[in-house]
């Protein structure tokens, strides 16, 4: 298949690879971006495996805590201008409170909000504000203590990144520090036991391919893979990550010192994983000229 300049550019930005290496990786993998990243890593040509997770949609994440339960929701809009609109923010706050009484996003859409369903409320706002909006997702967590944190807050309890931390023991100040760490570092899971087995296995296969490219004996390769997988798990799991507040300690060790046990967390970021179709500037101008 034909590889476009835009694909090469995207892969270069994601991996730091050279232009020709990026083009070759895409050619070898039939244009599959994720497979091309892995191909570059296998060949030692990717400076960093930056998974896309690009923020390509606007809106707000809101977090609400009520006793031992916390919820986080994401409501998308087309532009950041609408996300700053007080009317939109009031609606998002209402939806977040309604989320405390339901278990999933479909139930939330049907939940009551000032005499209408949440879905009907969204439809009305689309008509009055004049921009498409959607309730994309929600997540909830329960625990002895729930601490919330919002990064890049637009107003109280909502912004671009929302974090909830569940823990036993400790105090709110420590919980807030952990929440800030989660917002900054974005761990994949709480501990190794909570990691997605498919993600771990895929990383293992990539590391096997990288190690075999070295041409070293099989017994040496096995030790290399073991060490690299330990590092991968440590960097991916909250309890094993170096604590941003005190990098000499892991988050798990810091929790122990604070007399706390972290039992779970939620992190939602606006537009995470959504991509919008981008048109190059020349094509955009040409389209406008055609009327």
C-alpha atoms as a PDB file:
ATOM      1  CA  UNK A   1       0.000   0.000   0.000  1.00  0.00           C
ATOM      2  CA  UNK A   2       1.070   3.611  -0.565  1.00  0.00           C
ATOM      3  CA  UNK A   3       2.575   5.244   2.527  1.00  0.00           C
ATOM      4  CA  UNK A   4       1.699   8.926   2.888  1.00  0.00           C
ATOM      5  CA  UNK A   5       3.905  11.727   4.160  1.00  0.00           C
ATOM      6  CA  UNK A   6       1.379  12.333   6.933  1.00  0.00           C
ATOM      7  CA  UNK A   7       1.786   8.740   8.171  1.00  0.00           C
ATOM      8  CA  UNK A   8       5.573   9.068   8.161  1.00  0.00           C
ATOM      9  CA  UNK A   9       5.339  12.363  10.058  1.00  0.00           C
ATOM     10  CA  UNK A  10       3.014  10.859  12.684  1.00  0.00           C
ATOM     11  CA  UNK A  11       5.310   7.871  13.232  1.00  0.00           C
ATOM     12  CA  UNK A  12       8.388  10.093  13.484  1.00  0.00           C
ATOM     13  CA  UNK A  13       6.680  12.283  16.095  1.00  0.00           C
ATOM     14  CA  UNK A  14       5.615   9.202  18.060  1.00  0.00           C
ATOM     15  CA  UNK A  15       9.006   7.478  18.070  1.00  0.00           C
ATOM     16  CA  UNK A  16      11.746   9.974  17.240  1.00  0.00           C
ATOM     17  CA  UNK A  17      12.853   7.718  14.377  1.00  0.00           C
ATOM     18  CA  UNK A  18      14.441   9.079  11.186  1.00  0.00           C
ATOM     19  CA  UNK A  19      12.357   9.705   8.073  1.00  0.00           C
ATOM     20  CA  UNK A  20      13.616   6.726   6.055  1.00  0.00           C
ATOM     21  CA  UNK A  21      13.379   4.380   9.052  1.00  0.00           C
ATOM     22  CA  UNK A  22       9.810   5.495   9.691  1.00  0.00           C
ATOM     23  CA  UNK A  23       8.877   4.983   6.038  1.00  0.00           C
ATOM     24  CA  UNK A  24      10.475   1.529   5.990  1.00  0.00           C
ATOM     25  CA  UNK A  25       8.656   0.538   9.197  1.00  0.00           C
ATOM     26  CA  UNK A  26       5.300   1.546   7.706  1.00  0.00           C
ATOM     27  CA  UNK A  27       6.091  -0.287   4.464  1.00  0.00           C
ATOM     28  CA  UNK A  28       7.053  -3.450   6.357  1.00  0.00           C
ATOM     29  CA  UNK A  29       3.817  -3.351   8.385  1.00  0.00           C
ATOM     30  CA  UNK A  30       1.424  -2.317   5.590  1.00  0.00           C
ATOM     31  CA  UNK A  31       0.780   1.073   7.182  1.00  0.00           C
ATOM     32  CA  UNK A  32      -0.230  -0.302  10.605  1.00  0.00           C
ATOM     33  CA  UNK A  33       0.928   2.507  12.922  1.00  0.00           C
ATOM     34  CA  UNK A  34       1.050   0.445  16.125  1.00  0.00           C
ATOM     35  CA  UNK A  35       2.874  -2.442  14.415  1.00  0.00           C
ATOM     36  CA  UNK A  36       5.309   0.064  12.895  1.00  0.00           C
ATOM     37  CA  UNK A  37       6.150   1.411  16.369  1.00  0.00           C
ATOM     38  CA  UNK A  38       6.884  -2.150  17.517  1.00  0.00           C
ATOM     39  CA  UNK A  39       8.974  -2.803  14.367  1.00  0.00           C
ATOM     40  CA  UNK A  40      11.103   0.259  15.093  1.00  0.00           C
ATOM     41  CA  UNK A  41      11.521  -0.773  18.716  1.00  0.00           C
ATOM     42  CA  UNK A  42      12.606  -4.252  17.628  1.00  0.00           C
ATOM     43  CA  UNK A  43      15.262  -2.738  15.368  1.00  0.00           C
ATOM     44  CA  UNK A  44      16.366  -0.322  18.088  1.00  0.00           C
ATOM     45  CA  UNK A  45      15.317   2.655  15.974  1.00  0.00           C
ATOM     46  CA  UNK A  46      12.607   4.113  18.207  1.00  0.00           C
ATOM     47  CA  UNK A  47      13.912   6.615  20.721  1.00  0.00           C
ATOM     48  CA  UNK A  48      10.709   6.285  22.741  1.00  0.00           C
ATOM     49  CA  UNK A  49       7.583   4.169  22.387  1.00  0.00           C
ATOM     50  CA  UNK A  50       5.096   6.989  22.779  1.00  0.00           C
ATOM     51  CA  UNK A  51       1.678   5.418  22.442  1.00  0.00           C
ATOM     52  CA  UNK A  52      -0.649   7.815  20.737  1.00  0.00           C
ATOM     53  CA  UNK A  53      -3.413   8.378  23.340  1.00  0.00           C
ATOM     54  CA  UNK A  54      -3.543  11.780  21.667  1.00  0.00           C
ATOM     55  CA  UNK A  55      -5.990  14.339  22.973  1.00  0.00           C
ATOM     56  CA  UNK A  56      -7.929  15.267  19.849  1.00  0.00           C
ATOM     57  CA  UNK A  57     -11.297  16.225  21.334  1.00  0.00           C
ATOM     58  CA  UNK A  58     -12.333  19.035  23.656  1.00  0.00           C
ATOM     59  CA  UNK A  59     -14.623  19.129  26.678  1.00  0.00           C
ATOM     60  CA  UNK A  60     -14.290  18.480  30.387  1.00  0.00           C
ATOM     61  CA  UNK A  61     -13.678  15.717  32.885  1.00  0.00           C
ATOM     62  CA  UNK A  62     -15.560  16.176  36.178  1.00  0.00           C
ATOM     63  CA  UNK A  63     -15.000  14.347  39.470  1.00  0.00           C
ATOM     64  CA  UNK A  64     -17.369  14.103  42.424  1.00  0.00           C
ATOM     65  CA  UNK A  65     -16.901  12.357  45.782  1.00  0.00           C
ATOM     66  CA  UNK A  66     -19.660  11.401  48.187  1.00  0.00           C
ATOM     67  CA  UNK A  67     -18.421   9.563  51.266  1.00  0.00           C
ATOM     68  CA  UNK A  68     -16.771   6.318  50.184  1.00  0.00           C
ATOM     69  CA  UNK A  69     -17.711   6.639  46.504  1.00  0.00           C
ATOM     70  CA  UNK A  70     -16.226   8.735  43.746  1.00  0.00           C
ATOM     71  CA  UNK A  71     -17.181   9.138  40.089  1.00  0.00           C
ATOM     72  CA  UNK A  72     -15.453  10.669  37.095  1.00  0.00           C
ATOM     73  CA  UNK A  73     -17.180  11.545  33.832  1.00  0.00           C
ATOM     74  CA  UNK A  74     -16.066  12.903  30.469  1.00  0.00           C
ATOM     75  CA  UNK A  75     -18.320  15.144  28.398  1.00  0.00           C
ATOM     76  CA  UNK A  76     -16.941  16.148  25.001  1.00  0.00           C
ATOM     77  CA  UNK A  77     -17.515  19.266  22.945  1.00  0.00           C
ATOM     78  CA  UNK A  78     -16.172  20.325  19.577  1.00  0.00           C
ATOM     79  CA  UNK A  79     -14.182  23.323  20.836  1.00  0.00           C
ATOM     80  CA  UNK A  80     -12.389  24.438  23.967  1.00  0.00           C
ATOM     81  CA  UNK A  81     -14.438  27.647  23.789  1.00  0.00           C
ATOM     82  CA  UNK A  82     -17.580  25.683  24.728  1.00  0.00           C
ATOM     83  CA  UNK A  83     -15.700  23.856  27.509  1.00  0.00           C
ATOM     84  CA  UNK A  84     -15.111  27.289  29.091  1.00  0.00           C
ATOM     85  CA  UNK A  85     -18.801  28.192  28.786  1.00  0.00           C
ATOM     86  CA  UNK A  86     -20.507  28.520  32.211  1.00  0.00           C
ATOM     87  CA  UNK A  87     -23.712  26.947  30.883  1.00  0.00           C
ATOM     88  CA  UNK A  88     -21.794  23.894  29.664  1.00  0.00           C
ATOM     89  CA  UNK A  89     -19.899  23.626  32.960  1.00  0.00           C
ATOM     90  CA  UNK A  90     -23.128  23.756  34.978  1.00  0.00           C
ATOM     91  CA  UNK A  91     -24.531  20.922  32.881  1.00  0.00           C
ATOM     92  CA  UNK A  92     -21.361  18.820  33.339  1.00  0.00           C
ATOM     93  CA  UNK A  93     -21.491  19.358  37.126  1.00  0.00           C
ATOM     94  CA  UNK A  94     -25.106  18.174  37.165  1.00  0.00           C
ATOM     95  CA  UNK A  95     -24.286  15.081  35.122  1.00  0.00           C
ATOM     96  CA  UNK A  96     -21.395  14.239  37.478  1.00  0.00           C
ATOM     97  CA  UNK A  97     -23.694  14.385  40.515  1.00  0.00           C
ATOM     98  CA  UNK A  98     -26.258  12.205  38.734  1.00  0.00           C
ATOM     99  CA  UNK A  99     -23.469   9.678  38.064  1.00  0.00           C
ATOM    100  CA  UNK A 100     -23.161   8.972  41.800  1.00  0.00           C
ATOM    101  CA  UNK A 101     -26.444   7.057  41.617  1.00  0.00           C
ATOM    102  CA  UNK A 102     -25.718   4.822  38.598  1.00  0.00           C
ATOM    103  CA  UNK A 103     -23.247   2.128  37.595  1.00  0.00           C
ATOM    104  CA  UNK A 104     -22.440   2.814  33.941  1.00  0.00           C
ATOM    105  CA  UNK A 105     -22.650   5.401  31.194  1.00  0.00           C
ATOM    106  CA  UNK A 106     -25.820   3.977  29.615  1.00  0.00           C
ATOM    107  CA  UNK A 107     -27.654   4.197  32.938  1.00  0.00           C
ATOM    108  CA  UNK A 108     -26.284   7.715  33.342  1.00  0.00           C
ATOM    109  CA  UNK A 109     -27.742   8.792  29.997  1.00  0.00           C
ATOM    110  CA  UNK A 110     -31.169   7.672  31.253  1.00  0.00           C
ATOM    111  CA  UNK A 111     -30.734   9.243  34.713  1.00  0.00           C
ATOM    112  CA  UNK A 112     -32.809  12.235  35.805  1.00  0.00           C
ATOM    113  CA  UNK A 113     -31.319  15.720  35.630  1.00  0.00           C
ATOM    114  CA  UNK A 114     -33.735  18.488  36.643  1.00  0.00           C
ATOM    115  CA  UNK A 115     -36.771  16.660  35.290  1.00  0.00           C
ATOM    116  CA  UNK A 116     -35.193  15.421  32.040  1.00  0.00           C
ATOM    117  CA  UNK A 117     -32.915  12.559  31.226  1.00  0.00           C
ATOM    118  CA  UNK A 118     -29.223  13.367  30.930  1.00  0.00           C
ATOM    119  CA  UNK A 119     -29.401  12.421  27.242  1.00  0.00           C
ATOM    120  CA  UNK A 120     -32.306  14.830  26.632  1.00  0.00           C
ATOM    121  CA  UNK A 121     -30.452  17.564  28.509  1.00  0.00           C
ATOM    122  CA  UNK A 122     -27.442  17.079  26.225  1.00  0.00           C
ATOM    123  CA  UNK A 123     -29.692  17.247  23.147  1.00  0.00           C
ATOM    124  CA  UNK A 124     -31.185  20.524  24.374  1.00  0.00           C
ATOM    125  CA  UNK A 125     -27.742  22.005  25.002  1.00  0.00           C
ATOM    126  CA  UNK A 126     -26.602  21.007  21.511  1.00  0.00           C
ATOM    127  CA  UNK A 127     -29.534  23.015  20.151  1.00  0.00           C
ATOM    128  CA  UNK A 128     -28.979  26.091  22.337  1.00  0.00           C
ATOM    129  CA  UNK A 129     -25.161  26.236  22.277  1.00  0.00           C
ATOM    130  CA  UNK A 130     -24.957  25.144  18.644  1.00  0.00           C
ATOM    131  CA  UNK A 131     -22.160  22.627  18.968  1.00  0.00           C
ATOM    132  CA  UNK A 132     -22.118  18.846  19.060  1.00  0.00           C
ATOM    133  CA  UNK A 133     -21.559  17.300  22.519  1.00  0.00           C
ATOM    134  CA  UNK A 134     -21.452  13.787  23.888  1.00  0.00           C
ATOM    135  CA  UNK A 135     -21.285  11.984  27.205  1.00  0.00           C
ATOM    136  CA  UNK A 136     -18.377   9.716  26.394  1.00  0.00           C
ATOM    137  CA  UNK A 137     -17.639   7.712  29.539  1.00  0.00           C
ATOM    138  CA  UNK A 138     -17.817   7.422  33.290  1.00  0.00           C
ATOM    139  CA  UNK A 139     -15.941   5.450  35.918  1.00  0.00           C
ATOM    140  CA  UNK A 140     -16.600   4.943  39.613  1.00  0.00           C
ATOM    141  CA  UNK A 141     -14.577   3.761  42.581  1.00  0.00           C
ATOM    142  CA  UNK A 142     -15.303   2.928  46.213  1.00  0.00           C
ATOM    143  CA  UNK A 143     -13.117   2.764  49.275  1.00  0.00           C
ATOM    144  CA  UNK A 144     -12.620   3.811  52.873  1.00  0.00           C
ATOM    145  CA  UNK A 145     -11.292   7.192  51.708  1.00  0.00           C
ATOM    146  CA  UNK A 146     -11.663   8.701  48.225  1.00  0.00           C
ATOM    147  CA  UNK A 147      -9.490  11.673  47.281  1.00  0.00           C
ATOM    148  CA  UNK A 148      -9.967  13.673  44.086  1.00  0.00           C
ATOM    149  CA  UNK A 149      -7.701  15.913  42.047  1.00  0.00           C
ATOM    150  CA  UNK A 150      -8.260  17.910  38.859  1.00  0.00           C
ATOM    151  CA  UNK A 151      -5.376  19.036  36.682  1.00  0.00           C
ATOM    152  CA  UNK A 152      -5.792  22.173  34.539  1.00  0.00           C
ATOM    153  CA  UNK A 153      -9.056  22.943  36.335  1.00  0.00           C
ATOM    154  CA  UNK A 154     -11.567  25.026  34.394  1.00  0.00           C
ATOM    155  CA  UNK A 155     -13.669  25.458  37.523  1.00  0.00           C
ATOM    156  CA  UNK A 156     -14.213  23.587  40.790  1.00  0.00           C
ATOM    157  CA  UNK A 157     -14.148  19.801  40.265  1.00  0.00           C
ATOM    158  CA  UNK A 158     -13.619  19.776  36.503  1.00  0.00           C
ATOM    159  CA  UNK A 159     -10.837  20.239  33.997  1.00  0.00           C
ATOM    160  CA  UNK A 160      -8.678  18.397  31.464  1.00  0.00           C
ATOM    161  CA  UNK A 161      -7.557  15.522  33.726  1.00  0.00           C
ATOM    162  CA  UNK A 162      -9.537  14.090  36.643  1.00  0.00           C
ATOM    163  CA  UNK A 163      -8.127  11.628  39.176  1.00  0.00           C
ATOM    164  CA  UNK A 164      -9.716   9.639  42.003  1.00  0.00           C
ATOM    165  CA  UNK A 165      -7.671   7.663  44.538  1.00  0.00           C
ATOM    166  CA  UNK A 166      -9.119   5.058  46.907  1.00  0.00           C
ATOM    167  CA  UNK A 167      -7.171   4.202  50.039  1.00  0.00           C
ATOM    168  CA  UNK A 168      -7.328   3.024  53.609  1.00  0.00           C
ATOM    169  CA  UNK A 169      -5.389   4.866  56.313  1.00  0.00           C
ATOM    170  CA  UNK A 170      -3.197   7.853  55.585  1.00  0.00           C
ATOM    171  CA  UNK A 171      -4.628  11.340  55.221  1.00  0.00           C
ATOM    172  CA  UNK A 172      -6.098  13.521  52.483  1.00  0.00           C
ATOM    173  CA  UNK A 173      -2.846  15.423  51.963  1.00  0.00           C
ATOM    174  CA  UNK A 174      -1.015  12.208  51.057  1.00  0.00           C
ATOM    175  CA  UNK A 175      -3.924  11.066  48.893  1.00  0.00           C
ATOM    176  CA  UNK A 176      -3.744  14.364  46.988  1.00  0.00           C
ATOM    177  CA  UNK A 177      -0.026  13.847  46.360  1.00  0.00           C
ATOM    178  CA  UNK A 178      -0.713  10.385  44.962  1.00  0.00           C
ATOM    179  CA  UNK A 179      -3.493  11.790  42.773  1.00  0.00           C
ATOM    180  CA  UNK A 180      -1.109  14.431  41.410  1.00  0.00           C
ATOM    181  CA  UNK A 181       1.435  11.694  40.675  1.00  0.00           C
ATOM    182  CA  UNK A 182      -1.210   9.723  38.762  1.00  0.00           C
ATOM    183  CA  UNK A 183      -2.204  12.789  36.753  1.00  0.00           C
ATOM    184  CA  UNK A 184       1.422  13.399  35.769  1.00  0.00           C
ATOM    185  CA  UNK A 185       2.713   9.852  35.206  1.00  0.00           C
ATOM    186  CA  UNK A 186      -0.447   8.050  34.013  1.00  0.00           C
ATOM    187  CA  UNK A 187       0.198   4.511  35.354  1.00  0.00           C
ATOM    188  CA  UNK A 188      -1.409   1.651  33.434  1.00  0.00           C
ATOM    189  CA  UNK A 189      -2.480  -0.258  36.551  1.00  0.00           C
ATOM    190  CA  UNK A 190      -2.268  -0.325  40.333  1.00  0.00           C
ATOM    191  CA  UNK A 191       0.040  -3.354  40.550  1.00  0.00           C
ATOM    192  CA  UNK A 192       1.399  -6.161  38.377  1.00  0.00           C
ATOM    193  CA  UNK A 193      -1.622  -8.326  39.230  1.00  0.00           C
ATOM    194  CA  UNK A 194      -3.926  -5.640  37.774  1.00  0.00           C
ATOM    195  CA  UNK A 195      -2.127  -5.281  34.448  1.00  0.00           C
ATOM    196  CA  UNK A 196      -3.761  -6.325  31.184  1.00  0.00           C
ATOM    197  CA  UNK A 197      -2.249  -9.729  30.357  1.00  0.00           C
ATOM    198  CA  UNK A 198      -2.420  -8.993  26.618  1.00  0.00           C
ATOM    199  CA  UNK A 199      -0.411  -5.781  27.061  1.00  0.00           C
ATOM    200  CA  UNK A 200       2.230  -7.592  29.124  1.00  0.00           C
ATOM    201  CA  UNK A 201       2.500 -10.418  26.594  1.00  0.00           C
ATOM    202  CA  UNK A 202       2.815  -7.993  23.682  1.00  0.00           C
ATOM    203  CA  UNK A 203       5.638  -6.158  25.449  1.00  0.00           C
ATOM    204  CA  UNK A 204       7.323  -9.489  26.183  1.00  0.00           C
ATOM    205  CA  UNK A 205       7.226 -10.407  22.482  1.00  0.00           C
ATOM    206  CA  UNK A 206       8.704  -7.047  21.518  1.00  0.00           C
ATOM    207  CA  UNK A 207      11.505  -7.516  24.066  1.00  0.00           C
ATOM    208  CA  UNK A 208      12.180 -11.036  22.779  1.00  0.00           C
ATOM    209  CA  UNK A 209      12.536  -9.684  19.231  1.00  0.00           C
ATOM    210  CA  UNK A 210      14.814  -6.859  20.420  1.00  0.00           C
ATOM    211  CA  UNK A 211      16.989  -9.278  22.396  1.00  0.00           C
ATOM    212  CA  UNK A 212      17.304 -11.728  19.477  1.00  0.00           C
ATOM    213  CA  UNK A 213      18.407  -8.911  17.179  1.00  0.00           C
ATOM    214  CA  UNK A 214      21.467  -8.638  19.451  1.00  0.00           C
ATOM    215  CA  UNK A 215      22.604 -12.116  18.418  1.00  0.00           C
ATOM    216  CA  UNK A 216      23.442 -13.081  22.003  1.00  0.00           C
ATOM    217  CA  UNK A 217      23.107 -16.695  23.296  1.00  0.00           C
ATOM    218  CA  UNK A 218      19.622 -17.879  24.323  1.00  0.00           C
ATOM    219  CA  UNK A 219      20.438 -18.049  28.052  1.00  0.00           C
ATOM    220  CA  UNK A 220      21.691 -14.450  27.965  1.00  0.00           C
ATOM    221  CA  UNK A 221      18.573 -13.417  26.050  1.00  0.00           C
ATOM    222  CA  UNK A 222      16.342 -14.936  28.744  1.00  0.00           C
ATOM    223  CA  UNK A 223      18.062 -12.866  31.442  1.00  0.00           C
ATOM    224  CA  UNK A 224      17.829  -9.728  29.308  1.00  0.00           C
ATOM    225  CA  UNK A 225      14.097 -10.238  28.818  1.00  0.00           C
ATOM    226  CA  UNK A 226      13.540 -10.902  32.524  1.00  0.00           C
ATOM    227  CA  UNK A 227      15.279  -7.664  33.495  1.00  0.00           C
ATOM    228  CA  UNK A 228      13.495  -5.594  30.872  1.00  0.00           C
ATOM    229  CA  UNK A 229      10.086  -6.961  31.816  1.00  0.00           C
ATOM    230  CA  UNK A 230      10.713  -6.136  35.485  1.00  0.00           C
ATOM    231  CA  UNK A 231      11.526  -2.584  34.428  1.00  0.00           C
ATOM    232  CA  UNK A 232       8.415  -2.418  32.214  1.00  0.00           C
ATOM    233  CA  UNK A 233       6.158  -3.549  35.068  1.00  0.00           C
ATOM    234  CA  UNK A 234       7.810  -1.140  37.520  1.00  0.00           C
ATOM    235  CA  UNK A 235       7.343   1.793  35.157  1.00  0.00           C
ATOM    236  CA  UNK A 236       3.743   0.840  34.322  1.00  0.00           C
ATOM    237  CA  UNK A 237       2.295   0.158  37.776  1.00  0.00           C
ATOM    238  CA  UNK A 238       1.457   2.847  40.310  1.00  0.00           C
ATOM    239  CA  UNK A 239       2.779   1.089  43.405  1.00  0.00           C
ATOM    240  CA  UNK A 240       6.150   0.378  41.765  1.00  0.00           C
ATOM    241  CA  UNK A 241       6.724   3.774  40.143  1.00  0.00           C
ATOM    242  CA  UNK A 242       9.193   6.284  41.591  1.00  0.00           C
ATOM    243  CA  UNK A 243       7.052   8.756  43.553  1.00  0.00           C
ATOM    244  CA  UNK A 244       7.209  12.191  41.867  1.00  0.00           C
ATOM    245  CA  UNK A 245       7.104  13.883  45.289  1.00  0.00           C
ATOM    246  CA  UNK A 246      10.104  11.854  46.496  1.00  0.00           C
ATOM    247  CA  UNK A 247      11.780   9.828  43.692  1.00  0.00           C
ATOM    248  CA  UNK A 248      13.900   7.945  46.250  1.00  0.00           C
ATOM    249  CA  UNK A 249      10.743   6.011  47.188  1.00  0.00           C
ATOM    250  CA  UNK A 250       8.256   4.029  45.156  1.00  0.00           C
ATOM    251  CA  UNK A 251       4.634   5.080  45.548  1.00  0.00           C
ATOM    252  CA  UNK A 252       4.032   1.832  47.461  1.00  0.00           C
ATOM    253  CA  UNK A 253       6.886   2.570  49.881  1.00  0.00           C
ATOM    254  CA  UNK A 254       5.684   6.158  50.348  1.00  0.00           C
ATOM    255  CA  UNK A 255       2.191   4.866  51.136  1.00  0.00           C
ATOM    256  CA  UNK A 256       3.624   2.526  53.762  1.00  0.00           C
ATOM    257  CA  UNK A 257       5.500   5.413  55.389  1.00  0.00           C
ATOM    258  CA  UNK A 258       2.281   7.455  55.395  1.00  0.00           C
ATOM    259  CA  UNK A 259       0.346   4.606  57.029  1.00  0.00           C
ATOM    260  CA  UNK A 260      -1.825   4.223  53.936  1.00  0.00           C
ATOM    261  CA  UNK A 261      -2.797   1.443  51.554  1.00  0.00           C
ATOM    262  CA  UNK A 262      -3.785   2.514  48.033  1.00  0.00           C
ATOM    263  CA  UNK A 263      -6.593   0.235  46.887  1.00  0.00           C
ATOM    264  CA  UNK A 264      -7.437   1.694  43.488  1.00  0.00           C
ATOM    265  CA  UNK A 265      -7.470   4.732  41.226  1.00  0.00           C
ATOM    266  CA  UNK A 266      -9.189   6.281  38.222  1.00  0.00           C
ATOM    267  CA  UNK A 267      -7.637   8.694  35.736  1.00  0.00           C
ATOM    268  CA  UNK A 268      -9.643  10.247  32.907  1.00  0.00           C
ATOM    269  CA  UNK A 269      -8.191  12.728  30.422  1.00  0.00           C
ATOM    270  CA  UNK A 270     -10.262  14.735  27.987  1.00  0.00           C
ATOM    271  CA  UNK A 271     -10.149  13.268  24.489  1.00  0.00           C
ATOM    272  CA  UNK A 272      -7.824  10.428  25.491  1.00  0.00           C
ATOM    273  CA  UNK A 273      -7.620   7.929  22.636  1.00  0.00           C
ATOM    274  CA  UNK A 274      -9.827   9.958  20.293  1.00  0.00           C
ATOM    275  CA  UNK A 275      -8.371  11.130  17.008  1.00  0.00           C
ATOM    276  CA  UNK A 276      -9.934  13.656  14.664  1.00  0.00           C
ATOM    277  CA  UNK A 277      -9.355  13.646  10.953  1.00  0.00           C
ATOM    278  CA  UNK A 278      -6.865  16.333  10.049  1.00  0.00           C
ATOM    279  CA  UNK A 279      -6.699  18.008   6.674  1.00  0.00           C
ATOM    280  CA  UNK A 280      -3.493  19.602   5.470  1.00  0.00           C
ATOM    281  CA  UNK A 281      -3.615  23.367   5.099  1.00  0.00           C
ATOM    282  CA  UNK A 282      -3.256  23.381   1.304  1.00  0.00           C
ATOM    283  CA  UNK A 283      -6.172  20.985   0.901  1.00  0.00           C
ATOM    284  CA  UNK A 284      -8.253  23.095   3.273  1.00  0.00           C
ATOM    285  CA  UNK A 285      -7.568  26.265   1.258  1.00  0.00           C
ATOM    286  CA  UNK A 286      -8.326  24.460  -2.015  1.00  0.00           C
ATOM    287  CA  UNK A 287     -11.629  23.206  -0.649  1.00  0.00           C
ATOM    288  CA  UNK A 288     -12.586  26.716   0.493  1.00  0.00           C
ATOM    289  CA  UNK A 289     -11.686  28.152  -2.910  1.00  0.00           C
ATOM    290  CA  UNK A 290     -14.019  25.662  -4.579  1.00  0.00           C
ATOM    291  CA  UNK A 291     -16.888  27.065  -2.508  1.00  0.00           C
END
